[in-house]
Amino acid sequence: MKFRILFATLILTTPLWAQEDSIRVVEPDPTVDLSDTILIQSYAQRFNPDRASFLAAVLPGAGQIYNKKYWKLPLVYGGFGVVGYGLRFYQDLYKDYKRQLFYILENNTTESLEGYTESQLRPAIDQARHQRDLMVILMAAVYVLQIVDAHVDAHLKEFDVNPNLQVRMQPMIRSDLLVGRQAGFSVTLRF
């Protein structure tokens, strides 16, 4: 089983190692005067989406650090913490119900020490196992979501936002002859 997991990990990460950045360096023309020219490195080239994804896959939250989105770290680890707590809770509940069922079956009694019957414990075991498995799926979803977030965030670094774009929400009082005074909110979009 360990060999299969190691093999699958190597197969899945090999394409990430095989990719190379194709940056072409252009030599300046010696006949052109470059004394008043400033070479600018693109802001988007500093944030590689593949590197952000790889870092997030290796260590959850590292892609967000790479993208300089430090405020997302509590969300990533909070998601893992909440789902991990649920996973442990339902695993403990599953083990407890199973222990009680085994007590009933081994001692040929009708009730466990806590007062549950066999007909109550069997569906409770199934429900606890179902919830535990759901938490495992949610843990995988949080993991994949933080990788996708790091990748998309690195792509959006090159997205140019118009500085004139504004959304303003402000209180409004309006007086009308038919209705009278009205109070509310006004949403203004400026492009």
C-alpha atoms as a PDB file:
ATOM      1  CA  MET A   1       0.000   0.000   0.000  1.00  0.00           C
ATOM      2  CA  LYS A   2       2.829   2.415   0.861  1.00  0.00           C
ATOM      3  CA  PHE A   3       4.536   1.582  -2.430  1.00  0.00           C
ATOM      4  CA  ARG A   4       1.351   2.405  -4.349  1.00  0.00           C
ATOM      5  CA  ILE A   5       0.969   5.760  -2.595  1.00  0.00           C
ATOM      6  CA  LEU A   6       4.640   6.617  -3.233  1.00  0.00           C
ATOM      7  CA  PHE A   7       4.334   5.556  -6.872  1.00  0.00           C
ATOM      8  CA  ALA A   8       1.147   7.615  -7.382  1.00  0.00           C
ATOM      9  CA  THR A   9       2.793  10.649  -5.764  1.00  0.00           C
ATOM     10  CA  LEU A  10       5.821  10.393  -8.035  1.00  0.00           C
ATOM     11  CA  ILE A  11       3.671   9.972 -11.129  1.00  0.00           C
ATOM     12  CA  LEU A  12       1.477  12.958 -10.243  1.00  0.00           C
ATOM     13  CA  THR A  13       4.364  15.307  -9.425  1.00  0.00           C
ATOM     14  CA  THR A  14       6.698  14.346 -12.278  1.00  0.00           C
ATOM     15  CA  PRO A  15       4.980  16.618 -14.852  1.00  0.00           C
ATOM     16  CA  LEU A  16       5.469  19.547 -12.473  1.00  0.00           C
ATOM     17  CA  TRP A  17       9.229  18.982 -12.398  1.00  0.00           C
ATOM     18  CA  ALA A  18       9.495  18.568 -16.159  1.00  0.00           C
ATOM     19  CA  GLN A  19       8.188  22.002 -17.019  1.00  0.00           C
ATOM     20  CA  GLU A  20      10.619  24.798 -17.672  1.00  0.00           C
ATOM     21  CA  ASP A  21      10.095  28.490 -18.119  1.00  0.00           C
ATOM     22  CA  SER A  22      10.919  29.630 -21.624  1.00  0.00           C
ATOM     23  CA  ILE A  23      12.266  33.126 -21.073  1.00  0.00           C
ATOM     24  CA  ARG A  24      14.030  34.554 -24.078  1.00  0.00           C
ATOM     25  CA  VAL A  25      16.693  37.112 -23.339  1.00  0.00           C
ATOM     26  CA  VAL A  26      16.906  39.791 -26.000  1.00  0.00           C
ATOM     27  CA  GLU A  27      20.262  41.459 -26.336  1.00  0.00           C
ATOM     28  CA  PRO A  28      20.050  45.212 -26.956  1.00  0.00           C
ATOM     29  CA  ASP A  29      21.100  46.530 -30.328  1.00  0.00           C
ATOM     30  CA  PRO A  30      24.506  48.251 -29.956  1.00  0.00           C
ATOM     31  CA  THR A  31      23.526  50.934 -32.474  1.00  0.00           C
ATOM     32  CA  VAL A  32      20.630  52.179 -30.321  1.00  0.00           C
ATOM     33  CA  ASP A  33      21.283  54.706 -27.554  1.00  0.00           C
ATOM     34  CA  LEU A  34      19.829  53.265 -24.317  1.00  0.00           C
ATOM     35  CA  SER A  35      20.913  56.023 -21.953  1.00  0.00           C
ATOM     36  CA  ASP A  36      17.358  57.306 -21.467  1.00  0.00           C
ATOM     37  CA  THR A  37      15.649  53.879 -21.507  1.00  0.00           C
ATOM     38  CA  ILE A  38      14.456  52.113 -18.386  1.00  0.00           C
ATOM     39  CA  LEU A  39      13.991  48.358 -18.568  1.00  0.00           C
ATOM     40  CA  ILE A  40      10.964  47.297 -16.542  1.00  0.00           C
ATOM     41  CA  GLN A  41      10.435  43.786 -15.298  1.00  0.00           C
ATOM     42  CA  SER A  42       6.827  42.732 -15.619  1.00  0.00           C
ATOM     43  CA  TYR A  43       5.026  42.446 -12.305  1.00  0.00           C
ATOM     44  CA  ALA A  44       3.300  39.284 -13.529  1.00  0.00           C
ATOM     45  CA  GLN A  45       6.548  37.439 -14.254  1.00  0.00           C
ATOM     46  CA  ARG A  46       7.508  37.569 -10.590  1.00  0.00           C
ATOM     47  CA  PHE A  47       4.548  35.337  -9.670  1.00  0.00           C
ATOM     48  CA  ASN A  48       4.599  31.984 -11.439  1.00  0.00           C
ATOM     49  CA  PRO A  49       1.230  30.147 -11.119  1.00  0.00           C
ATOM     50  CA  ASP A  50       2.883  26.733 -11.471  1.00  0.00           C
ATOM     51  CA  ARG A  51       5.291  27.494  -8.651  1.00  0.00           C
ATOM     52  CA  ALA A  52       2.449  28.773  -6.461  1.00  0.00           C
ATOM     53  CA  SER A  53       0.502  25.555  -7.104  1.00  0.00           C
ATOM     54  CA  PHE A  54       3.507  23.371  -6.385  1.00  0.00           C
ATOM     55  CA  LEU A  55       4.269  25.173  -3.137  1.00  0.00           C
ATOM     56  CA  ALA A  56       0.634  24.921  -2.042  1.00  0.00           C
ATOM     57  CA  ALA A  57       0.625  21.199  -2.852  1.00  0.00           C
ATOM     58  CA  VAL A  58       3.810  20.533  -0.879  1.00  0.00           C
ATOM     59  CA  LEU A  59       2.897  22.669   2.135  1.00  0.00           C
ATOM     60  CA  PRO A  60      -0.658  24.006   2.468  1.00  0.00           C
ATOM     61  CA  GLY A  61      -0.586  27.778   2.690  1.00  0.00           C
ATOM     62  CA  ALA A  62       2.848  28.131   1.069  1.00  0.00           C
ATOM     63  CA  GLY A  63       1.251  29.170  -2.228  1.00  0.00           C
ATOM     64  CA  GLN A  64      -0.576  31.975  -0.450  1.00  0.00           C
ATOM     65  CA  ILE A  65       2.688  33.083   1.159  1.00  0.00           C
ATOM     66  CA  TYR A  66       4.386  32.995  -2.266  1.00  0.00           C
ATOM     67  CA  ASN A  67       1.616  35.240  -3.633  1.00  0.00           C
ATOM     68  CA  LYS A  68       1.996  37.569  -0.644  1.00  0.00           C
ATOM     69  CA  LYS A  69      -1.599  36.959   0.476  1.00  0.00           C
ATOM     70  CA  TYR A  70      -0.777  36.441   4.136  1.00  0.00           C
ATOM     71  CA  TRP A  71      -4.329  37.140   5.273  1.00  0.00           C
ATOM     72  CA  LYS A  72      -5.464  33.868   3.654  1.00  0.00           C
ATOM     73  CA  LEU A  73      -3.295  31.720   5.944  1.00  0.00           C
ATOM     74  CA  PRO A  74      -5.790  31.758   8.845  1.00  0.00           C
ATOM     75  CA  LEU A  75      -8.512  30.737   6.383  1.00  0.00           C
ATOM     76  CA  VAL A  76      -6.469  27.819   5.036  1.00  0.00           C
ATOM     77  CA  TYR A  77      -5.394  26.506   8.413  1.00  0.00           C
ATOM     78  CA  GLY A  78      -8.775  27.320   9.948  1.00  0.00           C
ATOM     79  CA  GLY A  79     -10.429  25.181   7.279  1.00  0.00           C
ATOM     80  CA  PHE A  80      -8.035  22.328   7.980  1.00  0.00           C
ATOM     81  CA  GLY A  81      -8.584  22.760  11.728  1.00  0.00           C
ATOM     82  CA  VAL A  82     -12.384  22.739  11.567  1.00  0.00           C
ATOM     83  CA  VAL A  83     -12.537  19.759   9.228  1.00  0.00           C
ATOM     84  CA  GLY A  84      -9.828  17.964  11.238  1.00  0.00           C
ATOM     85  CA  TYR A  85     -11.793  18.516  14.438  1.00  0.00           C
ATOM     86  CA  GLY A  86     -14.929  17.081  12.791  1.00  0.00           C
ATOM     87  CA  LEU A  87     -12.926  14.139  11.486  1.00  0.00           C
ATOM     88  CA  ARG A  88     -11.563  13.328  14.927  1.00  0.00           C
ATOM     89  CA  PHE A  89     -14.969  13.812  16.581  1.00  0.00           C
ATOM     90  CA  TYR A  90     -16.741  11.378  14.253  1.00  0.00           C
ATOM     91  CA  GLN A  91     -13.859   8.885  14.389  1.00  0.00           C
ATOM     92  CA  ASP A  92     -14.034   8.860  18.208  1.00  0.00           C
ATOM     93  CA  LEU A  93     -17.819   8.533  18.068  1.00  0.00           C
ATOM     94  CA  TYR A  94     -17.509   5.648  15.584  1.00  0.00           C
ATOM     95  CA  LYS A  95     -14.997   3.835  17.805  1.00  0.00           C
ATOM     96  CA  ASP A  96     -17.143   4.386  20.913  1.00  0.00           C
ATOM     97  CA  TYR A  97     -20.305   3.023  19.278  1.00  0.00           C
ATOM     98  CA  LYS A  98     -18.372   0.058  17.918  1.00  0.00           C
ATOM     99  CA  ARG A  99     -16.928  -0.673  21.357  1.00  0.00           C
ATOM    100  CA  GLN A 100     -20.414  -0.630  22.847  1.00  0.00           C
ATOM    101  CA  LEU A 101     -21.736  -2.956  20.131  1.00  0.00           C
ATOM    102  CA  PHE A 102     -18.885  -5.403  20.702  1.00  0.00           C
ATOM    103  CA  TYR A 103     -19.663  -5.349  24.424  1.00  0.00           C
ATOM    104  CA  ILE A 104     -23.268  -6.363  23.692  1.00  0.00           C
ATOM    105  CA  LEU A 105     -22.230  -9.112  21.278  1.00  0.00           C
ATOM    106  CA  GLU A 106     -19.462 -10.560  23.496  1.00  0.00           C
ATOM    107  CA  ASN A 107     -21.496 -10.592  26.717  1.00  0.00           C
ATOM    108  CA  ASN A 108     -24.866 -11.635  25.202  1.00  0.00           C
ATOM    109  CA  THR A 109     -26.651  -8.710  26.845  1.00  0.00           C
ATOM    110  CA  THR A 110     -29.439  -6.541  25.488  1.00  0.00           C
ATOM    111  CA  GLU A 111     -27.896  -3.180  26.472  1.00  0.00           C
ATOM    112  CA  SER A 112     -24.431  -1.647  26.534  1.00  0.00           C
ATOM    113  CA  LEU A 113     -22.959   0.037  29.599  1.00  0.00           C
ATOM    114  CA  GLU A 114     -24.359   3.389  28.387  1.00  0.00           C
ATOM    115  CA  GLY A 115     -27.862   1.963  27.872  1.00  0.00           C
ATOM    116  CA  TYR A 116     -27.935   1.573  24.063  1.00  0.00           C
ATOM    117  CA  THR A 117     -29.391  -1.506  22.411  1.00  0.00           C
ATOM    118  CA  GLU A 118     -27.998  -3.334  19.409  1.00  0.00           C
ATOM    119  CA  SER A 119     -30.774  -1.977  17.168  1.00  0.00           C
ATOM    120  CA  GLN A 120     -29.823   1.570  18.193  1.00  0.00           C
ATOM    121  CA  LEU A 121     -26.075   1.098  17.812  1.00  0.00           C
ATOM    122  CA  ARG A 122     -25.963  -0.373  14.306  1.00  0.00           C
ATOM    123  CA  PRO A 123     -27.493   2.712  12.576  1.00  0.00           C
ATOM    124  CA  ALA A 124     -25.480   4.997  14.859  1.00  0.00           C
ATOM    125  CA  ILE A 125     -22.264   3.255  13.757  1.00  0.00           C
ATOM    126  CA  ASP A 126     -23.240   3.643  10.107  1.00  0.00           C
ATOM    127  CA  GLN A 127     -24.089   7.319  10.603  1.00  0.00           C
ATOM    128  CA  ALA A 128     -20.818   8.049  12.433  1.00  0.00           C
ATOM    129  CA  ARG A 129     -18.818   6.243   9.708  1.00  0.00           C
ATOM    130  CA  HIS A 130     -20.692   8.174   7.015  1.00  0.00           C
ATOM    131  CA  GLN A 131     -19.969  11.519   8.708  1.00  0.00           C
ATOM    132  CA  ARG A 132     -16.305  10.566   9.218  1.00  0.00           C
ATOM    133  CA  ASP A 133     -15.960   9.690   5.525  1.00  0.00           C
ATOM    134  CA  LEU A 134     -17.609  12.981   4.603  1.00  0.00           C
ATOM    135  CA  MET A 135     -15.012  14.815   6.711  1.00  0.00           C
ATOM    136  CA  VAL A 136     -12.227  13.023   4.826  1.00  0.00           C
ATOM    137  CA  ILE A 137     -13.749  14.214   1.541  1.00  0.00           C
ATOM    138  CA  LEU A 138     -14.051  17.757   2.925  1.00  0.00           C
ATOM    139  CA  MET A 139     -10.393  17.639   4.015  1.00  0.00           C
ATOM    140  CA  ALA A 140      -9.400  16.743   0.455  1.00  0.00           C
ATOM    141  CA  ALA A 141     -11.643  19.539  -0.850  1.00  0.00           C
ATOM    142  CA  VAL A 142      -9.993  22.128   1.432  1.00  0.00           C
ATOM    143  CA  TYR A 143      -6.576  20.899   0.255  1.00  0.00           C
ATOM    144  CA  VAL A 144      -7.484  21.149  -3.436  1.00  0.00           C
ATOM    145  CA  LEU A 145      -9.252  24.484  -2.929  1.00  0.00           C
ATOM    146  CA  GLN A 146      -6.187  26.130  -1.402  1.00  0.00           C
ATOM    147  CA  ILE A 147      -4.061  24.860  -4.325  1.00  0.00           C
ATOM    148  CA  VAL A 148      -6.547  26.273  -6.840  1.00  0.00           C
ATOM    149  CA  ASP A 149      -6.684  29.555  -4.899  1.00  0.00           C
ATOM    150  CA  ALA A 150      -2.894  29.909  -5.012  1.00  0.00           C
ATOM    151  CA  HIS A 151      -2.812  29.143  -8.750  1.00  0.00           C
ATOM    152  CA  VAL A 152      -5.618  31.563  -9.656  1.00  0.00           C
ATOM    153  CA  ASP A 153      -4.251  34.282  -7.405  1.00  0.00           C
ATOM    154  CA  ALA A 154      -0.846  34.062  -9.105  1.00  0.00           C
ATOM    155  CA  HIS A 155      -2.569  34.364 -12.496  1.00  0.00           C
ATOM    156  CA  LEU A 156      -4.546  37.405 -11.385  1.00  0.00           C
ATOM    157  CA  LYS A 157      -1.409  39.327 -10.401  1.00  0.00           C
ATOM    158  CA  GLU A 158      -1.145  40.512 -14.005  1.00  0.00           C
ATOM    159  CA  PHE A 159      -4.796  41.564 -14.156  1.00  0.00           C
ATOM    160  CA  ASP A 160      -4.971  45.314 -14.560  1.00  0.00           C
ATOM    161  CA  VAL A 161      -7.722  47.023 -12.620  1.00  0.00           C
ATOM    162  CA  ASN A 162      -8.808  50.417 -13.863  1.00  0.00           C
ATOM    163  CA  PRO A 163      -8.221  52.930 -11.052  1.00  0.00           C
ATOM    164  CA  ASN A 164     -11.354  54.833 -12.118  1.00  0.00           C
ATOM    165  CA  LEU A 165     -13.571  51.847 -11.340  1.00  0.00           C
ATOM    166  CA  GLN A 166     -15.539  52.632  -8.177  1.00  0.00           C
ATOM    167  CA  VAL A 167     -18.452  51.131  -6.319  1.00  0.00           C
ATOM    168  CA  ARG A 168     -19.934  53.396  -3.701  1.00  0.00           C
ATOM    169  CA  MET A 169     -22.741  52.585  -1.280  1.00  0.00           C
ATOM    170  CA  GLN A 170     -24.130  55.463   0.749  1.00  0.00           C
ATOM    171  CA  PRO A 171     -27.298  56.305   2.661  1.00  0.00           C
ATOM    172  CA  MET A 172     -29.952  58.201   0.754  1.00  0.00           C
ATOM    173  CA  ILE A 173     -32.981  60.269   1.746  1.00  0.00           C
ATOM    174  CA  ARG A 174     -35.402  61.158  -1.003  1.00  0.00           C
ATOM    175  CA  SER A 175     -38.459  63.343  -0.906  1.00  0.00           C
ATOM    176  CA  ASP A 176     -41.286  62.655  -3.344  1.00  0.00           C
ATOM    177  CA  LEU A 177     -44.691  64.393  -3.661  1.00  0.00           C
ATOM    178  CA  LEU A 178     -46.626  61.146  -4.101  1.00  0.00           C
ATOM    179  CA  VAL A 179     -44.916  58.940  -1.530  1.00  0.00           C
ATOM    180  CA  GLY A 180     -43.337  61.409   0.860  1.00  0.00           C
ATOM    181  CA  ARG A 181     -39.906  60.927   2.388  1.00  0.00           C
ATOM    182  CA  GLN A 182     -38.022  57.704   1.743  1.00  0.00           C
ATOM    183  CA  ALA A 183     -34.812  56.487   3.300  1.00  0.00           C
ATOM    184  CA  GLY A 184     -32.543  53.802   1.903  1.00  0.00           C
ATOM    185  CA  PHE A 185     -29.194  53.060   0.335  1.00  0.00           C
ATOM    186  CA  SER A 186     -27.828  54.188  -2.988  1.00  0.00           C
ATOM    187  CA  VAL A 187     -25.344  52.049  -4.910  1.00  0.00           C
ATOM    188  CA  THR A 188     -23.308  53.997  -7.453  1.00  0.00           C
ATOM    189  CA  LEU A 189     -21.121  52.310 -10.060  1.00  0.00           C
ATOM    190  CA  ARG A 190     -18.561  54.482 -11.848  1.00  0.00           C
ATOM    191  CA  PHE A 191     -16.597  53.125 -14.804  1.00  0.00           C
END
